[in-house]
């Protein structure tokens, strides 16, 4: 299997199948990301298409010292910002059919609640940082690069965002209890 960088090189040399393979590798991940950033599925799909069109158009500007995925997410974030308006959609995925259906539903519900809370409580940039770090598993350095921020800003934002979400989800889980902060 070719690396992203090898596929980019081949695409720059005119190989349409090489670019098509890059699209195939990233389209589902990018769509899930964009669904959390756009108001509607149609907007997310439009932003996805714009992302790949812009990636193709500006492929020569990609620098291999960074992950291709980081460069692609940066383009996707810009396209989502153009499409943004209204509430974000929660991350959705098909549960593993071999798993216990009840457990899968509970996991899906908890995950959806977390991303819905993130959409309500966090800035779009903080939500993107969380997504890139914990769903896409990008290292801090790559998250910072994708967001155009420093690594220090990224670490602080991730820590504050996790704390804010943890507090909000704990409050939601125990509505009758009062919490003392201090």
C-alpha atoms as a PDB file:
ATOM      1  CA  UNK A   1       0.000   0.000   0.000  1.00  0.00           C
ATOM      2  CA  UNK A   2       1.348   3.396  -0.968  1.00  0.00           C
ATOM      3  CA  UNK A   3       1.814   6.175   1.568  1.00  0.00           C
ATOM      4  CA  UNK A   4      -0.125   9.418   1.304  1.00  0.00           C
ATOM      5  CA  UNK A   5       3.036  11.185   0.211  1.00  0.00           C
ATOM      6  CA  UNK A   6       3.633   8.672  -2.596  1.00  0.00           C
ATOM      7  CA  UNK A   7       0.050   9.125  -3.767  1.00  0.00           C
ATOM      8  CA  UNK A   8       0.421  12.918  -3.684  1.00  0.00           C
ATOM      9  CA  UNK A   9       3.575  12.666  -5.796  1.00  0.00           C
ATOM     10  CA  UNK A  10       1.805  10.409  -8.281  1.00  0.00           C
ATOM     11  CA  UNK A  11      -1.217  12.748  -8.388  1.00  0.00           C
ATOM     12  CA  UNK A  12       1.064  15.713  -9.052  1.00  0.00           C
ATOM     13  CA  UNK A  13       2.508  13.734 -11.964  1.00  0.00           C
ATOM     14  CA  UNK A  14      -1.011  13.405 -13.383  1.00  0.00           C
ATOM     15  CA  UNK A  15      -2.247  10.125 -11.903  1.00  0.00           C
ATOM     16  CA  UNK A  16      -6.007  10.407 -11.417  1.00  0.00           C
ATOM     17  CA  UNK A  17      -6.204   6.994  -9.680  1.00  0.00           C
ATOM     18  CA  UNK A  18      -3.664   8.165  -7.090  1.00  0.00           C
ATOM     19  CA  UNK A  19      -5.802  11.154  -6.142  1.00  0.00           C
ATOM     20  CA  UNK A  20      -8.914   8.963  -6.203  1.00  0.00           C
ATOM     21  CA  UNK A  21      -7.235   6.675  -3.655  1.00  0.00           C
ATOM     22  CA  UNK A  22      -6.551   9.680  -1.390  1.00  0.00           C
ATOM     23  CA  UNK A  23     -10.211  10.637  -1.640  1.00  0.00           C
ATOM     24  CA  UNK A  24     -11.228   7.071  -0.810  1.00  0.00           C
ATOM     25  CA  UNK A  25      -8.938   7.024   2.251  1.00  0.00           C
ATOM     26  CA  UNK A  26     -10.229  10.255   3.742  1.00  0.00           C
ATOM     27  CA  UNK A  27     -13.791  10.858   2.584  1.00  0.00           C
ATOM     28  CA  UNK A  28     -15.593   9.048   5.435  1.00  0.00           C
ATOM     29  CA  UNK A  29     -13.368  10.497   8.162  1.00  0.00           C
ATOM     30  CA  UNK A  30     -13.701  13.997   6.740  1.00  0.00           C
ATOM     31  CA  UNK A  31     -17.459  13.655   6.370  1.00  0.00           C
ATOM     32  CA  UNK A  32     -17.813  12.624  10.037  1.00  0.00           C
ATOM     33  CA  UNK A  33     -15.666  15.613  11.010  1.00  0.00           C
ATOM     34  CA  UNK A  34     -17.655  17.989   8.817  1.00  0.00           C
ATOM     35  CA  UNK A  35     -20.972  16.721  10.190  1.00  0.00           C
ATOM     36  CA  UNK A  36     -19.893  18.116  13.559  1.00  0.00           C
ATOM     37  CA  UNK A  37     -18.978  21.446  11.987  1.00  0.00           C
ATOM     38  CA  UNK A  38     -21.880  22.153   9.606  1.00  0.00           C
ATOM     39  CA  UNK A  39     -25.555  22.859  10.205  1.00  0.00           C
ATOM     40  CA  UNK A  40     -26.886  20.196   7.851  1.00  0.00           C
ATOM     41  CA  UNK A  41     -25.726  17.016   6.216  1.00  0.00           C
ATOM     42  CA  UNK A  42     -26.049  18.732   2.830  1.00  0.00           C
ATOM     43  CA  UNK A  43     -23.702  21.511   4.000  1.00  0.00           C
ATOM     44  CA  UNK A  44     -21.236  18.893   5.264  1.00  0.00           C
ATOM     45  CA  UNK A  45     -21.349  17.047   1.949  1.00  0.00           C
ATOM     46  CA  UNK A  46     -20.859  20.324   0.049  1.00  0.00           C
ATOM     47  CA  UNK A  47     -17.915  21.194   2.298  1.00  0.00           C
ATOM     48  CA  UNK A  48     -16.468  17.714   1.707  1.00  0.00           C
ATOM     49  CA  UNK A  49     -16.691  18.145  -2.047  1.00  0.00           C
ATOM     50  CA  UNK A  50     -15.147  21.627  -1.792  1.00  0.00           C
ATOM     51  CA  UNK A  51     -12.375  20.200   0.371  1.00  0.00           C
ATOM     52  CA  UNK A  52     -11.344  17.644  -2.235  1.00  0.00           C
ATOM     53  CA  UNK A  53     -11.667  20.157  -5.074  1.00  0.00           C
ATOM     54  CA  UNK A  54      -9.438  22.608  -3.203  1.00  0.00           C
ATOM     55  CA  UNK A  55      -7.017  19.831  -2.253  1.00  0.00           C
ATOM     56  CA  UNK A  56      -6.692  18.861  -5.901  1.00  0.00           C
ATOM     57  CA  UNK A  57      -6.348  22.450  -7.019  1.00  0.00           C
ATOM     58  CA  UNK A  58      -3.665  23.276  -4.437  1.00  0.00           C
ATOM     59  CA  UNK A  59      -1.956  19.888  -4.188  1.00  0.00           C
ATOM     60  CA  UNK A  60       1.364  21.426  -5.211  1.00  0.00           C
ATOM     61  CA  UNK A  61       1.291  23.528  -2.011  1.00  0.00           C
ATOM     62  CA  UNK A  62       1.275  20.420   0.229  1.00  0.00           C
ATOM     63  CA  UNK A  63       4.537  20.010   2.158  1.00  0.00           C
ATOM     64  CA  UNK A  64       5.511  16.425   3.081  1.00  0.00           C
ATOM     65  CA  UNK A  65       7.055  17.447   6.420  1.00  0.00           C
ATOM     66  CA  UNK A  66       3.439  17.509   7.705  1.00  0.00           C
ATOM     67  CA  UNK A  67       0.908  14.725   7.553  1.00  0.00           C
ATOM     68  CA  UNK A  68      -1.323  14.856   4.511  1.00  0.00           C
ATOM     69  CA  UNK A  69      -4.326  14.404   6.815  1.00  0.00           C
ATOM     70  CA  UNK A  70      -3.387  17.557   8.749  1.00  0.00           C
ATOM     71  CA  UNK A  71      -3.265  19.567   5.527  1.00  0.00           C
ATOM     72  CA  UNK A  72      -6.584  18.096   4.413  1.00  0.00           C
ATOM     73  CA  UNK A  73      -8.332  18.819   7.746  1.00  0.00           C
ATOM     74  CA  UNK A  74      -7.134  22.394   7.582  1.00  0.00           C
ATOM     75  CA  UNK A  75      -8.788  22.787   4.187  1.00  0.00           C
ATOM     76  CA  UNK A  76     -11.940  21.082   5.504  1.00  0.00           C
ATOM     77  CA  UNK A  77     -12.110  23.457   8.476  1.00  0.00           C
ATOM     78  CA  UNK A  78     -11.990  26.465   6.163  1.00  0.00           C
ATOM     79  CA  UNK A  79     -14.722  25.018   3.972  1.00  0.00           C
ATOM     80  CA  UNK A  80     -16.878  24.172   7.001  1.00  0.00           C
ATOM     81  CA  UNK A  81     -16.492  27.722   8.289  1.00  0.00           C
ATOM     82  CA  UNK A  82     -17.954  28.967   5.005  1.00  0.00           C
ATOM     83  CA  UNK A  83     -20.907  26.586   5.337  1.00  0.00           C
ATOM     84  CA  UNK A  84     -21.454  27.029   9.096  1.00  0.00           C
ATOM     85  CA  UNK A  85     -24.703  28.256  10.452  1.00  0.00           C
ATOM     86  CA  UNK A  86     -27.011  26.902  13.158  1.00  0.00           C
ATOM     87  CA  UNK A  87     -26.465  23.869  15.336  1.00  0.00           C
ATOM     88  CA  UNK A  88     -23.943  21.167  14.602  1.00  0.00           C
ATOM     89  CA  UNK A  89     -24.939  17.583  14.034  1.00  0.00           C
ATOM     90  CA  UNK A  90     -23.684  14.878  16.392  1.00  0.00           C
ATOM     91  CA  UNK A  91     -21.136  12.344  15.239  1.00  0.00           C
ATOM     92  CA  UNK A  92     -22.968   9.257  14.062  1.00  0.00           C
ATOM     93  CA  UNK A  93     -21.658   5.879  13.062  1.00  0.00           C
ATOM     94  CA  UNK A  94     -23.065   2.398  12.584  1.00  0.00           C
ATOM     95  CA  UNK A  95     -22.627   0.212  15.651  1.00  0.00           C
ATOM     96  CA  UNK A  96     -20.664  -3.000  15.398  1.00  0.00           C
ATOM     97  CA  UNK A  97     -23.316  -5.641  14.669  1.00  0.00           C
ATOM     98  CA  UNK A  98     -21.325  -8.358  16.436  1.00  0.00           C
ATOM     99  CA  UNK A  99     -21.407  -6.423  19.701  1.00  0.00           C
ATOM    100  CA  UNK A 100     -24.209  -6.424  22.250  1.00  0.00           C
ATOM    101  CA  UNK A 101     -26.882  -4.140  20.684  1.00  0.00           C
ATOM    102  CA  UNK A 102     -27.867  -2.561  24.012  1.00  0.00           C
ATOM    103  CA  UNK A 103     -24.256  -1.812  24.909  1.00  0.00           C
ATOM    104  CA  UNK A 104     -23.677  -0.401  21.414  1.00  0.00           C
ATOM    105  CA  UNK A 105     -26.735   1.873  21.742  1.00  0.00           C
ATOM    106  CA  UNK A 106     -25.589   3.088  25.152  1.00  0.00           C
ATOM    107  CA  UNK A 107     -22.068   3.821  23.830  1.00  0.00           C
ATOM    108  CA  UNK A 108     -23.524   5.642  20.811  1.00  0.00           C
ATOM    109  CA  UNK A 109     -25.836   7.680  23.028  1.00  0.00           C
ATOM    110  CA  UNK A 110     -23.027   8.668  25.401  1.00  0.00           C
ATOM    111  CA  UNK A 111     -20.750   9.610  22.502  1.00  0.00           C
ATOM    112  CA  UNK A 112     -23.511  11.612  20.803  1.00  0.00           C
ATOM    113  CA  UNK A 113     -24.296  13.421  24.063  1.00  0.00           C
ATOM    114  CA  UNK A 114     -20.636  14.329  24.468  1.00  0.00           C
ATOM    115  CA  UNK A 115     -20.397  15.759  20.937  1.00  0.00           C
ATOM    116  CA  UNK A 116     -23.724  17.579  21.298  1.00  0.00           C
ATOM    117  CA  UNK A 117     -22.445  19.093  24.552  1.00  0.00           C
ATOM    118  CA  UNK A 118     -19.202  20.033  22.817  1.00  0.00           C
ATOM    119  CA  UNK A 119     -21.201  21.787  20.103  1.00  0.00           C
ATOM    120  CA  UNK A 120     -23.159  23.777  22.700  1.00  0.00           C
ATOM    121  CA  UNK A 121     -20.383  24.572  25.172  1.00  0.00           C
ATOM    122  CA  UNK A 122     -17.222  25.000  23.152  1.00  0.00           C
ATOM    123  CA  UNK A 123     -16.048  27.323  20.446  1.00  0.00           C
ATOM    124  CA  UNK A 124     -15.876  25.750  16.989  1.00  0.00           C
ATOM    125  CA  UNK A 125     -12.086  25.858  17.218  1.00  0.00           C
ATOM    126  CA  UNK A 126     -12.030  24.066  20.591  1.00  0.00           C
ATOM    127  CA  UNK A 127     -14.470  21.463  19.282  1.00  0.00           C
ATOM    128  CA  UNK A 128     -12.231  20.928  16.259  1.00  0.00           C
ATOM    129  CA  UNK A 129      -9.212  20.517  18.518  1.00  0.00           C
ATOM    130  CA  UNK A 130     -11.007  17.810  20.511  1.00  0.00           C
ATOM    131  CA  UNK A 131     -12.161  16.021  17.383  1.00  0.00           C
ATOM    132  CA  UNK A 132      -8.757  16.030  15.734  1.00  0.00           C
ATOM    133  CA  UNK A 133      -7.027  14.848  18.903  1.00  0.00           C
ATOM    134  CA  UNK A 134      -9.446  12.218  20.196  1.00  0.00           C
ATOM    135  CA  UNK A 135     -11.383  10.996  17.165  1.00  0.00           C
ATOM    136  CA  UNK A 136      -8.726  11.335  14.477  1.00  0.00           C
ATOM    137  CA  UNK A 137      -5.930  10.597  16.984  1.00  0.00           C
ATOM    138  CA  UNK A 138      -3.644  13.308  15.662  1.00  0.00           C
ATOM    139  CA  UNK A 139      -0.700  14.248  17.873  1.00  0.00           C
ATOM    140  CA  UNK A 140      -0.767  17.679  19.560  1.00  0.00           C
ATOM    141  CA  UNK A 141       1.742  19.020  17.040  1.00  0.00           C
ATOM    142  CA  UNK A 142      -0.504  18.071  14.114  1.00  0.00           C
ATOM    143  CA  UNK A 143      -3.655  19.410  15.792  1.00  0.00           C
ATOM    144  CA  UNK A 144      -1.870  22.722  16.381  1.00  0.00           C
ATOM    145  CA  UNK A 145      -0.735  22.784  12.766  1.00  0.00           C
ATOM    146  CA  UNK A 146      -4.237  22.028  11.434  1.00  0.00           C
ATOM    147  CA  UNK A 147      -5.722  24.813  13.564  1.00  0.00           C
ATOM    148  CA  UNK A 148      -2.934  27.286  12.856  1.00  0.00           C
ATOM    149  CA  UNK A 149      -2.213  27.602  16.584  1.00  0.00           C
ATOM    150  CA  UNK A 150       0.711  26.981  18.904  1.00  0.00           C
ATOM    151  CA  UNK A 151       1.183  23.668  20.669  1.00  0.00           C
ATOM    152  CA  UNK A 152       0.801  25.454  24.017  1.00  0.00           C
ATOM    153  CA  UNK A 153      -2.554  26.936  22.967  1.00  0.00           C
ATOM    154  CA  UNK A 154      -3.667  23.501  21.761  1.00  0.00           C
ATOM    155  CA  UNK A 155      -2.725  21.766  25.024  1.00  0.00           C
ATOM    156  CA  UNK A 156      -4.468  24.408  27.149  1.00  0.00           C
ATOM    157  CA  UNK A 157      -7.563  24.372  24.935  1.00  0.00           C
ATOM    158  CA  UNK A 158      -7.794  20.588  25.078  1.00  0.00           C
ATOM    159  CA  UNK A 159      -7.416  20.567  28.868  1.00  0.00           C
ATOM    160  CA  UNK A 160     -10.031  23.304  29.391  1.00  0.00           C
ATOM    161  CA  UNK A 161     -12.420  21.725  26.915  1.00  0.00           C
ATOM    162  CA  UNK A 162     -12.165  18.298  28.553  1.00  0.00           C
ATOM    163  CA  UNK A 163     -12.813  19.832  31.973  1.00  0.00           C
ATOM    164  CA  UNK A 164     -15.783  21.840  30.725  1.00  0.00           C
ATOM    165  CA  UNK A 165     -17.326  18.807  29.030  1.00  0.00           C
ATOM    166  CA  UNK A 166     -16.648  16.557  31.996  1.00  0.00           C
ATOM    167  CA  UNK A 167     -18.360  19.038  34.312  1.00  0.00           C
ATOM    168  CA  UNK A 168     -21.353  19.488  31.987  1.00  0.00           C
ATOM    169  CA  UNK A 169     -21.804  15.740  31.485  1.00  0.00           C
ATOM    170  CA  UNK A 170     -21.465  15.070  35.223  1.00  0.00           C
ATOM    171  CA  UNK A 171     -24.122  17.727  35.906  1.00  0.00           C
ATOM    172  CA  UNK A 172     -26.403  16.159  33.317  1.00  0.00           C
ATOM    173  CA  UNK A 173     -25.915  12.695  34.818  1.00  0.00           C
ATOM    174  CA  UNK A 174     -26.834  13.890  38.331  1.00  0.00           C
ATOM    175  CA  UNK A 175     -29.424  16.655  37.847  1.00  0.00           C
ATOM    176  CA  UNK A 176     -30.652  16.616  41.452  1.00  0.00           C
ATOM    177  CA  UNK A 177     -27.220  17.038  43.003  1.00  0.00           C
ATOM    178  CA  UNK A 178     -25.543  20.393  43.384  1.00  0.00           C
ATOM    179  CA  UNK A 179     -21.835  20.689  42.810  1.00  0.00           C
ATOM    180  CA  UNK A 180     -19.481  22.993  44.640  1.00  0.00           C
ATOM    181  CA  UNK A 181     -16.660  24.428  42.552  1.00  0.00           C
ATOM    182  CA  UNK A 182     -13.676  25.891  44.127  1.00  0.00           C
END
